[in-house]
Amino acid sequence: MAYIIGAAIGDGNLSNPNRRAVRLRITCDNKYPKIIKRILENLQELFPENKVSLVKKQKNCTDISCYSNKLENILEWKATNGSKFKQKISIPEWIKEKDEYIKPCIKGLIETDGSVYYDRKYLMVNFVTIIPTIANDVMEMMRKIGYKPNMQTIKESPVQEMKYTIRISKNAEEFVKDMQINKS
């Protein structure tokens, strides 16, 4: 469940299109078939009685979606209250309390809204968000499990929201292995 919460916070949204059941839709680039499969399998495991669908939106991305009226309680945000930014969502407290939940949540966040790359032959890991509560939660969780992230903030124009980039540069290889991050 912690992995799905991370993935949903990263690239997910809630809606209630039929006014009967809440829909979670997580959008993923088609160049990451293993992540699409992992999200699908984790959603199916979380909701074994519900249908989990793959919908190809365009040439380059797929929506993984599921309907359930339990979603708002699990994710702790509402389908009808506006964007995740507007709702000032945060990582649920029960995840932040235990390493066994922190790691899959961080994995979901980075596999959807993060990157793993080399900069001058050094491995780096980034997570980017415009939601200050999520940025602070991710910093707190990474520190709790023994890593030393740093955060950069950028506001590119007066009309844009602040962008928070959390980076792991020291022990990045260990971090990727520890979180079992696989962006392929």
N, C-alpha and C. Protein backbone atom coordinates (compact mmCIF):
# COMPACT_ATOMS: atom_id res chain seq x y z
N MET A 1 0.82 -1.19 0.00
CA MET A 1 0.00 0.00 0.00
C MET A 1 0.87 1.26 0.00
N ALA A 2 1.99 1.24 0.70
CA ALA A 2 2.86 2.42 0.77
C ALA A 2 3.43 2.75 -0.60
N TYR A 3 3.73 1.73 -1.41
CA TYR A 3 4.23 1.98 -2.77
C TYR A 3 3.18 2.71 -3.60
N ILE A 4 1.94 2.26 -3.54
CA ILE A 4 0.85 2.89 -4.30
C ILE A 4 0.62 4.32 -3.83
N ILE A 5 0.71 4.56 -2.54
CA ILE A 5 0.55 5.92 -2.03
C ILE A 5 1.65 6.82 -2.60
N GLY A 6 2.89 6.33 -2.62
CA GLY A 6 3.98 7.11 -3.22
C GLY A 6 3.75 7.38 -4.69
N ALA A 7 3.37 6.35 -5.45
CA ALA A 7 3.12 6.51 -6.88
C ALA A 7 1.95 7.45 -7.14
N ALA A 8 0.90 7.36 -6.33
CA ALA A 8 -0.28 8.23 -6.49
C ALA A 8 0.07 9.68 -6.17
N ILE A 9 0.86 9.90 -5.13
CA ILE A 9 1.28 11.26 -4.80
C ILE A 9 2.15 11.81 -5.94
N GLY A 10 2.98 10.95 -6.52
CA GLY A 10 3.84 11.39 -7.61
C GLY A 10 3.07 11.73 -8.87
N ASP A 11 2.43 10.77 -9.49
CA ASP A 11 1.78 10.99 -10.79
C ASP A 11 0.32 10.56 -10.80
N GLY A 12 -0.34 10.61 -9.66
CA GLY A 12 -1.73 10.17 -9.61
C GLY A 12 -2.70 11.30 -9.39
N ASN A 13 -3.96 11.01 -9.67
CA ASN A 13 -5.03 11.95 -9.36
C ASN A 13 -6.30 11.19 -9.03
N LEU A 14 -7.15 11.83 -8.27
CA LEU A 14 -8.44 11.26 -7.91
C LEU A 14 -9.54 12.02 -8.62
N SER A 15 -10.57 11.31 -9.02
CA SER A 15 -11.76 11.93 -9.58
C SER A 15 -12.96 11.08 -9.19
N ASN A 16 -14.14 11.62 -9.43
CA ASN A 16 -15.37 10.86 -9.19
C ASN A 16 -16.30 11.10 -10.38
N PRO A 17 -15.92 10.55 -11.54
CA PRO A 17 -16.62 10.89 -12.78
C PRO A 17 -18.07 10.42 -12.84
N ASN A 18 -18.38 9.32 -12.19
CA ASN A 18 -19.74 8.80 -12.25
C ASN A 18 -20.55 9.08 -10.99
N ARG A 19 -19.95 9.81 -10.06
CA ARG A 19 -20.57 10.18 -8.78
C ARG A 19 -20.97 8.96 -7.92
N ARG A 20 -20.42 7.81 -8.26
CA ARG A 20 -20.68 6.60 -7.48
C ARG A 20 -19.43 6.06 -6.82
N ALA A 21 -18.29 6.15 -7.54
CA ALA A 21 -17.05 5.58 -7.01
C ALA A 21 -15.88 6.48 -7.39
N VAL A 22 -14.94 6.58 -6.48
CA VAL A 22 -13.73 7.38 -6.69
C VAL A 22 -12.77 6.60 -7.58
N ARG A 23 -12.16 7.32 -8.51
CA ARG A 23 -11.20 6.71 -9.44
C ARG A 23 -9.81 7.26 -9.16
N LEU A 24 -8.84 6.34 -9.00
CA LEU A 24 -7.43 6.70 -8.96
C LEU A 24 -6.86 6.42 -10.33
N ARG A 25 -6.17 7.42 -10.87
CA ARG A 25 -5.50 7.27 -12.16
C ARG A 25 -4.05 7.68 -11.97
N ILE A 26 -3.14 6.76 -12.25
CA ILE A 26 -1.70 7.03 -12.18
C ILE A 26 -1.19 6.97 -13.62
N THR A 27 -0.60 8.07 -14.08
CA THR A 27 -0.12 8.16 -15.46
C THR A 27 1.37 7.86 -15.50
N CYS A 28 1.75 7.00 -16.44
CA CYS A 28 3.15 6.58 -16.54
C CYS A 28 3.60 6.60 -18.00
N ASP A 29 4.82 7.03 -18.22
CA ASP A 29 5.41 7.04 -19.55
C ASP A 29 5.59 5.59 -20.03
N ASN A 30 5.24 5.33 -21.28
CA ASN A 30 5.34 3.98 -21.84
C ASN A 30 6.77 3.45 -21.91
N LYS A 31 7.77 4.33 -21.77
CA LYS A 31 9.15 3.83 -21.81
C LYS A 31 9.53 3.11 -20.51
N TYR A 32 8.58 3.05 -19.55
CA TYR A 32 8.82 2.34 -18.29
C TYR A 32 7.82 1.20 -18.09
N PRO A 33 7.86 0.17 -18.94
CA PRO A 33 6.87 -0.92 -18.83
C PRO A 33 6.91 -1.66 -17.50
N LYS A 34 8.09 -1.78 -16.89
CA LYS A 34 8.18 -2.47 -15.60
C LYS A 34 7.48 -1.68 -14.50
N ILE A 35 7.56 -0.35 -14.55
CA ILE A 35 6.87 0.48 -13.55
C ILE A 35 5.36 0.37 -13.76
N ILE A 36 4.91 0.40 -15.02
CA ILE A 36 3.48 0.24 -15.30
C ILE A 36 2.99 -1.09 -14.73
N LYS A 37 3.73 -2.14 -14.99
CA LYS A 37 3.36 -3.48 -14.49
C LYS A 37 3.36 -3.51 -12.95
N ARG A 38 4.38 -2.89 -12.33
CA ARG A 38 4.48 -2.89 -10.87
C ARG A 38 3.29 -2.14 -10.24
N ILE A 39 2.93 -0.98 -10.82
CA ILE A 39 1.79 -0.22 -10.30
C ILE A 39 0.52 -1.03 -10.46
N LEU A 40 0.33 -1.64 -11.64
CA LEU A 40 -0.85 -2.48 -11.90
C LEU A 40 -0.95 -3.61 -10.88
N GLU A 41 0.14 -4.33 -10.68
CA GLU A 41 0.14 -5.47 -9.75
C GLU A 41 -0.11 -5.02 -8.31
N ASN A 42 0.49 -3.91 -7.91
CA ASN A 42 0.29 -3.41 -6.54
C ASN A 42 -1.15 -2.93 -6.33
N LEU A 43 -1.74 -2.28 -7.33
CA LEU A 43 -3.15 -1.87 -7.22
C LEU A 43 -4.06 -3.09 -7.15
N GLN A 44 -3.77 -4.10 -7.98
CA GLN A 44 -4.60 -5.31 -7.97
C GLN A 44 -4.49 -6.04 -6.63
N GLU A 45 -3.30 -6.03 -6.05
CA GLU A 45 -3.12 -6.64 -4.73
C GLU A 45 -3.86 -5.86 -3.65
N LEU A 46 -3.86 -4.54 -3.74
CA LEU A 46 -4.54 -3.69 -2.78
C LEU A 46 -6.06 -3.81 -2.90
N PHE A 47 -6.56 -3.96 -4.14
CA PHE A 47 -8.00 -4.07 -4.39
C PHE A 47 -8.28 -5.33 -5.21
N PRO A 48 -8.17 -6.51 -4.60
CA PRO A 48 -8.29 -7.77 -5.35
C PRO A 48 -9.68 -7.98 -5.99
N GLU A 49 -10.69 -7.35 -5.46
CA GLU A 49 -12.05 -7.52 -6.00
C GLU A 49 -12.38 -6.50 -7.08
N ASN A 50 -11.50 -5.53 -7.31
CA ASN A 50 -11.77 -4.44 -8.24
C ASN A 50 -10.97 -4.62 -9.53
N LYS A 51 -11.52 -4.11 -10.61
CA LYS A 51 -10.82 -4.15 -11.89
C LYS A 51 -9.78 -3.03 -11.93
N VAL A 52 -8.59 -3.37 -12.34
CA VAL A 52 -7.53 -2.39 -12.56
C VAL A 52 -7.31 -2.33 -14.06
N SER A 53 -7.40 -1.13 -14.62
CA SER A 53 -7.35 -0.95 -16.08
C SER A 53 -6.09 -0.24 -16.52
N LEU A 54 -5.67 -0.58 -17.73
CA LEU A 54 -4.61 0.14 -18.42
C LEU A 54 -5.26 0.83 -19.61
N VAL A 55 -5.09 2.16 -19.68
CA VAL A 55 -5.67 2.93 -20.78
C VAL A 55 -4.55 3.73 -21.43
N LYS A 56 -4.27 3.41 -22.70
CA LYS A 56 -3.24 4.17 -23.43
C LYS A 56 -3.85 5.51 -23.81
N LYS A 57 -3.29 6.59 -23.24
CA LYS A 57 -3.82 7.94 -23.48
C LYS A 57 -3.36 8.48 -24.81
N GLN A 58 -2.09 8.40 -25.04
CA GLN A 58 -1.47 8.90 -26.26
C GLN A 58 -0.42 7.89 -26.66
N LYS A 59 0.39 8.25 -27.60
CA LYS A 59 1.46 7.35 -28.03
C LYS A 59 2.44 7.06 -26.90
N ASN A 60 2.63 8.04 -26.01
CA ASN A 60 3.75 7.92 -25.07
C ASN A 60 3.38 7.66 -23.61
N CYS A 61 2.10 7.54 -23.25
CA CYS A 61 1.80 7.30 -21.84
C CYS A 61 0.55 6.43 -21.65
N THR A 62 0.49 5.83 -20.47
CA THR A 62 -0.60 4.93 -20.09
C THR A 62 -1.13 5.33 -18.73
N ASP A 63 -2.45 5.28 -18.58
CA ASP A 63 -3.09 5.46 -17.28
C ASP A 63 -3.34 4.09 -16.67
N ILE A 64 -2.95 3.93 -15.42
CA ILE A 64 -3.30 2.74 -14.66
C ILE A 64 -4.39 3.22 -13.70
N SER A 65 -5.58 2.63 -13.77
CA SER A 65 -6.67 3.17 -12.96
C SER A 65 -7.48 2.09 -12.27
N CYS A 66 -8.13 2.53 -11.21
CA CYS A 66 -8.94 1.64 -10.38
C CYS A 66 -10.00 2.48 -9.68
N TYR A 67 -11.20 1.92 -9.53
CA TYR A 67 -12.28 2.58 -8.81
C TYR A 67 -12.44 1.94 -7.43
N SER A 68 -12.57 2.77 -6.40
CA SER A 68 -12.86 2.28 -5.06
C SER A 68 -13.23 3.47 -4.16
N ASN A 69 -14.25 3.28 -3.35
CA ASN A 69 -14.61 4.33 -2.40
C ASN A 69 -13.72 4.33 -1.17
N LYS A 70 -12.73 3.45 -1.13
CA LYS A 70 -11.75 3.43 -0.05
C LYS A 70 -10.54 4.34 -0.35
N LEU A 71 -10.42 4.76 -1.60
CA LEU A 71 -9.22 5.50 -2.02
C LEU A 71 -8.99 6.79 -1.25
N GLU A 72 -10.04 7.58 -1.02
CA GLU A 72 -9.85 8.85 -0.32
C GLU A 72 -9.33 8.63 1.10
N ASN A 73 -9.81 7.60 1.78
CA ASN A 73 -9.31 7.31 3.14
C ASN A 73 -7.88 6.81 3.11
N ILE A 74 -7.54 5.98 2.14
CA ILE A 74 -6.18 5.44 2.04
C ILE A 74 -5.19 6.55 1.72
N LEU A 75 -5.52 7.40 0.74
CA LEU A 75 -4.60 8.44 0.28
C LEU A 75 -4.64 9.70 1.12
N GLU A 76 -5.73 9.89 1.85
CA GLU A 76 -5.93 11.04 2.74
C GLU A 76 -6.03 12.36 1.97
N TRP A 77 -6.64 12.31 0.78
CA TRP A 77 -7.05 13.51 0.09
C TRP A 77 -8.35 13.20 -0.65
N LYS A 78 -9.04 14.23 -1.11
CA LYS A 78 -10.39 14.09 -1.67
C LYS A 78 -10.40 14.30 -3.18
N ALA A 79 -11.28 13.58 -3.85
CA ALA A 79 -11.44 13.70 -5.29
C ALA A 79 -12.03 15.04 -5.69
N THR A 80 -12.86 15.61 -4.83
CA THR A 80 -13.61 16.82 -5.19
C THR A 80 -13.08 18.11 -4.58
N ASN A 81 -11.94 18.06 -3.90
CA ASN A 81 -11.42 19.25 -3.22
C ASN A 81 -10.29 19.96 -3.96
N GLY A 82 -10.15 19.70 -5.25
CA GLY A 82 -9.11 20.38 -6.02
C GLY A 82 -7.81 19.58 -6.09
N SER A 83 -6.79 20.23 -6.59
CA SER A 83 -5.49 19.59 -6.81
C SER A 83 -4.83 19.15 -5.51
N LYS A 84 -3.86 18.27 -5.64
CA LYS A 84 -3.08 17.84 -4.47
C LYS A 84 -2.38 19.04 -3.85
N PHE A 85 -1.91 19.96 -4.68
CA PHE A 85 -1.26 21.19 -4.20
C PHE A 85 -2.25 22.01 -3.37
N LYS A 86 -3.43 22.23 -3.90
CA LYS A 86 -4.44 23.03 -3.20
C LYS A 86 -4.84 22.38 -1.86
N GLN A 87 -4.89 21.06 -1.84
CA GLN A 87 -5.27 20.34 -0.61
C GLN A 87 -4.11 20.21 0.38
N LYS A 88 -2.91 20.63 -0.05
CA LYS A 88 -1.71 20.54 0.81
C LYS A 88 -1.54 19.13 1.38
N ILE A 89 -1.59 18.15 0.47
CA ILE A 89 -1.51 16.76 0.91
C ILE A 89 -0.16 16.49 1.56
N SER A 90 -0.12 15.40 2.31
CA SER A 90 1.13 14.98 2.92
C SER A 90 1.18 13.46 2.94
N ILE A 91 2.34 12.94 3.28
CA ILE A 91 2.50 11.49 3.43
C ILE A 91 1.78 11.08 4.71
N PRO A 92 0.95 10.04 4.66
CA PRO A 92 0.26 9.59 5.88
C PRO A 92 1.25 9.29 7.01
N GLU A 93 0.86 9.65 8.22
CA GLU A 93 1.74 9.48 9.40
C GLU A 93 2.20 8.05 9.58
N TRP A 94 1.32 7.07 9.35
CA TRP A 94 1.69 5.66 9.58
C TRP A 94 2.85 5.24 8.69
N ILE A 95 2.99 5.86 7.52
CA ILE A 95 4.13 5.54 6.65
C ILE A 95 5.40 6.13 7.23
N LYS A 96 5.34 7.38 7.70
CA LYS A 96 6.54 8.07 8.21
C LYS A 96 7.09 7.44 9.49
N GLU A 97 6.31 6.60 10.13
CA GLU A 97 6.72 6.02 11.41
C GLU A 97 7.59 4.78 11.28
N LYS A 98 7.54 4.07 10.14
CA LYS A 98 8.25 2.79 10.04
C LYS A 98 9.05 2.70 8.75
N ASP A 99 10.31 2.30 8.89
CA ASP A 99 11.19 2.14 7.73
C ASP A 99 10.58 1.20 6.68
N GLU A 100 9.90 0.15 7.14
CA GLU A 100 9.33 -0.83 6.21
C GLU A 100 8.24 -0.22 5.32
N TYR A 101 7.67 0.92 5.72
CA TYR A 101 6.69 1.63 4.89
C TYR A 101 7.34 2.81 4.16
N ILE A 102 8.34 3.42 4.79
CA ILE A 102 9.03 4.56 4.18
C ILE A 102 9.67 4.15 2.86
N LYS A 103 10.36 3.03 2.84
CA LYS A 103 11.11 2.63 1.65
C LYS A 103 10.22 2.40 0.43
N PRO A 104 9.12 1.63 0.52
CA PRO A 104 8.28 1.48 -0.68
C PRO A 104 7.58 2.78 -1.08
N CYS A 105 7.28 3.64 -0.12
CA CYS A 105 6.67 4.93 -0.45
C CYS A 105 7.66 5.79 -1.24
N ILE A 106 8.90 5.87 -0.77
CA ILE A 106 9.93 6.62 -1.49
C ILE A 106 10.15 6.02 -2.88
N LYS A 107 10.16 4.70 -2.97
CA LYS A 107 10.31 4.03 -4.27
C LYS A 107 9.20 4.50 -5.22
N GLY A 108 7.95 4.51 -4.76
CA GLY A 108 6.83 4.96 -5.59
C GLY A 108 6.96 6.42 -6.00
N LEU A 109 7.40 7.26 -5.06
CA LEU A 109 7.60 8.68 -5.37
C LEU A 109 8.67 8.90 -6.44
N ILE A 110 9.80 8.23 -6.28
CA ILE A 110 10.91 8.44 -7.21
C ILE A 110 10.63 7.80 -8.56
N GLU A 111 9.99 6.63 -8.57
CA GLU A 111 9.69 6.00 -9.85
C GLU A 111 8.67 6.79 -10.67
N THR A 112 7.89 7.65 -10.03
CA THR A 112 6.92 8.46 -10.77
C THR A 112 7.37 9.91 -10.94
N ASP A 113 7.84 10.56 -9.90
CA ASP A 113 8.21 11.98 -9.96
C ASP A 113 9.68 12.22 -9.63
N GLY A 114 10.49 11.24 -9.91
CA GLY A 114 11.91 11.39 -9.63
C GLY A 114 12.76 10.98 -10.81
N SER A 115 14.06 11.01 -10.58
CA SER A 115 14.98 10.57 -11.63
C SER A 115 16.24 10.01 -10.98
N VAL A 116 16.85 9.08 -11.70
CA VAL A 116 18.13 8.49 -11.32
C VAL A 116 19.03 8.71 -12.53
N TYR A 117 20.16 9.40 -12.33
CA TYR A 117 20.99 9.78 -13.47
C TYR A 117 22.43 9.96 -13.02
N TYR A 118 23.30 10.07 -14.01
CA TYR A 118 24.71 10.33 -13.73
C TYR A 118 25.04 11.78 -14.04
N ASP A 119 25.76 12.40 -13.12
CA ASP A 119 26.27 13.75 -13.31
C ASP A 119 27.78 13.69 -13.09
N ARG A 120 28.54 13.91 -14.14
CA ARG A 120 30.00 13.82 -14.09
C ARG A 120 30.46 12.51 -13.46
N LYS A 121 29.89 11.44 -13.94
CA LYS A 121 30.22 10.06 -13.53
C LYS A 121 29.76 9.69 -12.12
N TYR A 122 28.98 10.56 -11.47
CA TYR A 122 28.45 10.25 -10.13
C TYR A 122 26.95 10.02 -10.23
N LEU A 123 26.49 8.95 -9.60
CA LEU A 123 25.06 8.65 -9.59
C LEU A 123 24.33 9.66 -8.70
N MET A 124 23.20 10.15 -9.17
CA MET A 124 22.36 11.10 -8.43
C MET A 124 20.92 10.61 -8.45
N VAL A 125 20.18 10.97 -7.41
CA VAL A 125 18.75 10.67 -7.34
C VAL A 125 18.04 11.96 -6.98
N ASN A 126 17.01 12.30 -7.76
CA ASN A 126 16.20 13.51 -7.51
C ASN A 126 14.74 13.13 -7.32
N PHE A 127 14.08 13.91 -6.50
CA PHE A 127 12.62 13.87 -6.42
C PHE A 127 12.16 15.32 -6.49
N VAL A 128 11.15 15.60 -7.33
CA VAL A 128 10.69 16.97 -7.54
C VAL A 128 9.20 17.07 -7.23
N THR A 129 8.82 18.15 -6.53
CA THR A 129 7.42 18.41 -6.22
C THR A 129 7.20 19.91 -6.08
N ILE A 130 5.95 20.33 -6.21
CA ILE A 130 5.60 21.72 -5.92
C ILE A 130 4.83 21.81 -4.61
N ILE A 131 4.66 20.68 -3.94
CA ILE A 131 3.88 20.63 -2.70
C ILE A 131 4.85 20.68 -1.52
N PRO A 132 4.87 21.81 -0.77
CA PRO A 132 5.85 21.95 0.31
C PRO A 132 5.74 20.87 1.39
N THR A 133 4.54 20.44 1.71
CA THR A 133 4.38 19.40 2.75
C THR A 133 5.01 18.08 2.29
N ILE A 134 4.86 17.77 1.02
CA ILE A 134 5.47 16.54 0.50
C ILE A 134 6.99 16.67 0.50
N ALA A 135 7.52 17.82 0.09
CA ALA A 135 8.97 18.03 0.10
C ALA A 135 9.53 17.82 1.51
N ASN A 136 8.88 18.40 2.50
CA ASN A 136 9.34 18.25 3.88
C ASN A 136 9.21 16.82 4.37
N ASP A 137 8.10 16.15 4.01
CA ASP A 137 7.92 14.75 4.40
C ASP A 137 9.01 13.87 3.81
N VAL A 138 9.34 14.07 2.53
CA VAL A 138 10.36 13.25 1.86
C VAL A 138 11.72 13.48 2.51
N MET A 139 12.05 14.74 2.80
CA MET A 139 13.31 15.03 3.50
C MET A 139 13.36 14.29 4.84
N GLU A 140 12.28 14.40 5.60
CA GLU A 140 12.20 13.75 6.91
C GLU A 140 12.34 12.23 6.79
N MET A 141 11.66 11.62 5.82
CA MET A 141 11.71 10.17 5.67
C MET A 141 13.10 9.70 5.25
N MET A 142 13.72 10.43 4.33
CA MET A 142 15.07 10.04 3.88
C MET A 142 16.07 10.12 5.03
N ARG A 143 15.95 11.15 5.85
CA ARG A 143 16.83 11.28 7.02
C ARG A 143 16.58 10.15 8.02
N LYS A 144 15.31 9.82 8.21
CA LYS A 144 14.95 8.78 9.19
C LYS A 144 15.57 7.44 8.84
N ILE A 145 15.72 7.16 7.54
CA ILE A 145 16.30 5.87 7.15
C ILE A 145 17.82 5.97 6.89
N GLY A 146 18.42 7.09 7.30
CA GLY A 146 19.88 7.18 7.32
C GLY A 146 20.56 7.87 6.16
N TYR A 147 19.82 8.57 5.33
CA TYR A 147 20.44 9.27 4.20
C TYR A 147 20.47 10.77 4.47
N LYS A 148 21.30 11.47 3.69
CA LYS A 148 21.47 12.91 3.88
C LYS A 148 21.07 13.65 2.61
N PRO A 149 19.76 13.85 2.43
CA PRO A 149 19.31 14.57 1.23
C PRO A 149 19.56 16.07 1.37
N ASN A 150 19.58 16.75 0.24
CA ASN A 150 19.57 18.21 0.27
C ASN A 150 18.41 18.68 -0.60
N MET A 151 17.95 19.90 -0.34
CA MET A 151 16.82 20.43 -1.06
C MET A 151 17.18 21.76 -1.70
N GLN A 152 16.78 21.89 -2.96
CA GLN A 152 16.91 23.17 -3.66
C GLN A 152 15.50 23.66 -3.98
N THR A 153 15.30 24.95 -3.86
CA THR A 153 14.01 25.53 -4.22
C THR A 153 14.22 26.51 -5.37
N ILE A 154 13.31 26.45 -6.31
CA ILE A 154 13.39 27.33 -7.50
C ILE A 154 11.99 27.86 -7.79
N LYS A 155 11.91 29.15 -8.02
CA LYS A 155 10.68 29.76 -8.51
C LYS A 155 11.05 30.48 -9.79
N GLU A 156 10.66 29.86 -10.92
CA GLU A 156 11.11 30.36 -12.22
C GLU A 156 10.42 31.63 -12.66
N SER A 157 9.22 31.88 -12.14
CA SER A 157 8.51 33.12 -12.48
C SER A 157 7.52 33.45 -11.37
N PRO A 158 7.06 34.69 -11.30
CA PRO A 158 6.13 35.07 -10.23
C PRO A 158 4.81 34.31 -10.26
N VAL A 159 4.41 33.81 -11.41
CA VAL A 159 3.12 33.10 -11.49
C VAL A 159 3.25 31.59 -11.25
N GLN A 160 4.46 31.07 -11.28
CA GLN A 160 4.66 29.64 -11.03
C GLN A 160 4.80 29.36 -9.54
N GLU A 161 4.45 28.14 -9.18
CA GLU A 161 4.64 27.69 -7.80
C GLU A 161 6.12 27.39 -7.56
N MET A 162 6.52 27.42 -6.30
CA MET A 162 7.87 27.05 -5.93
C MET A 162 8.07 25.57 -6.28
N LYS A 163 9.22 25.25 -6.81
CA LYS A 163 9.55 23.87 -7.14
C LYS A 163 10.63 23.40 -6.17
N TYR A 164 10.41 22.25 -5.54
CA TYR A 164 11.33 21.68 -4.56
C TYR A 164 12.01 20.47 -5.19
N THR A 165 13.34 20.48 -5.23
CA THR A 165 14.10 19.35 -5.74
C THR A 165 14.90 18.77 -4.58
N ILE A 166 14.57 17.52 -4.24
CA ILE A 166 15.29 16.82 -3.17
C ILE A 166 16.27 15.87 -3.85
N ARG A 167 17.52 15.96 -3.45
CA ARG A 167 18.57 15.21 -4.12
C ARG A 167 19.36 14.36 -3.13
N ILE A 168 19.65 13.16 -3.57
CA ILE A 168 20.61 12.29 -2.87
C ILE A 168 21.84 12.22 -3.77
N SER A 169 22.95 12.73 -3.29
CA SER A 169 24.18 12.66 -4.08
C SER A 169 25.23 11.78 -3.40
N LYS A 170 25.23 11.76 -2.08
CA LYS A 170 26.15 10.88 -1.35
C LYS A 170 25.44 9.55 -1.11
N ASN A 171 26.15 8.47 -1.35
CA ASN A 171 25.61 7.12 -1.16
C ASN A 171 24.40 6.86 -2.06
N ALA A 172 24.37 7.46 -3.23
CA ALA A 172 23.23 7.30 -4.14
C ALA A 172 23.08 5.86 -4.61
N GLU A 173 24.19 5.17 -4.89
CA GLU A 173 24.10 3.77 -5.33
C GLU A 173 23.48 2.91 -4.24
N GLU A 174 23.91 3.12 -3.01
CA GLU A 174 23.35 2.40 -1.87
C GLU A 174 21.85 2.72 -1.72
N PHE A 175 21.50 3.99 -1.88
CA PHE A 175 20.11 4.43 -1.78
C PHE A 175 19.23 3.73 -2.82
N VAL A 176 19.68 3.72 -4.08
CA VAL A 176 18.91 3.08 -5.16
C VAL A 176 18.72 1.60 -4.86
N LYS A 177 19.78 0.95 -4.39
CA LYS A 177 19.69 -0.47 -4.06
C LYS A 177 18.77 -0.70 -2.86
N ASP A 178 18.91 0.13 -1.84
CA ASP A 178 18.11 0.02 -0.62
C ASP A 178 16.61 0.23 -0.88
N MET A 179 16.29 1.18 -1.77
CA MET A 179 14.88 1.48 -2.10
C MET A 179 14.37 0.56 -3.19
N GLN A 180 15.26 -0.22 -3.80
CA GLN A 180 14.93 -1.12 -4.92
C GLN A 180 14.30 -0.35 -6.09
N ILE A 181 14.88 0.81 -6.38
CA ILE A 181 14.38 1.65 -7.47
C ILE A 181 14.84 1.06 -8.80
N ASN A 182 13.87 0.91 -9.69
CA ASN A 182 14.16 0.39 -11.03
C ASN A 182 13.31 1.15 -12.02
N LYS A 183 13.89 2.15 -12.66
CA LYS A 183 13.13 3.03 -13.57
C LYS A 183 12.98 2.45 -14.97
N SER A 184 13.42 1.23 -15.20
CA SER A 184 13.30 0.68 -16.57
C SER A 184 11.91 0.12 -16.82
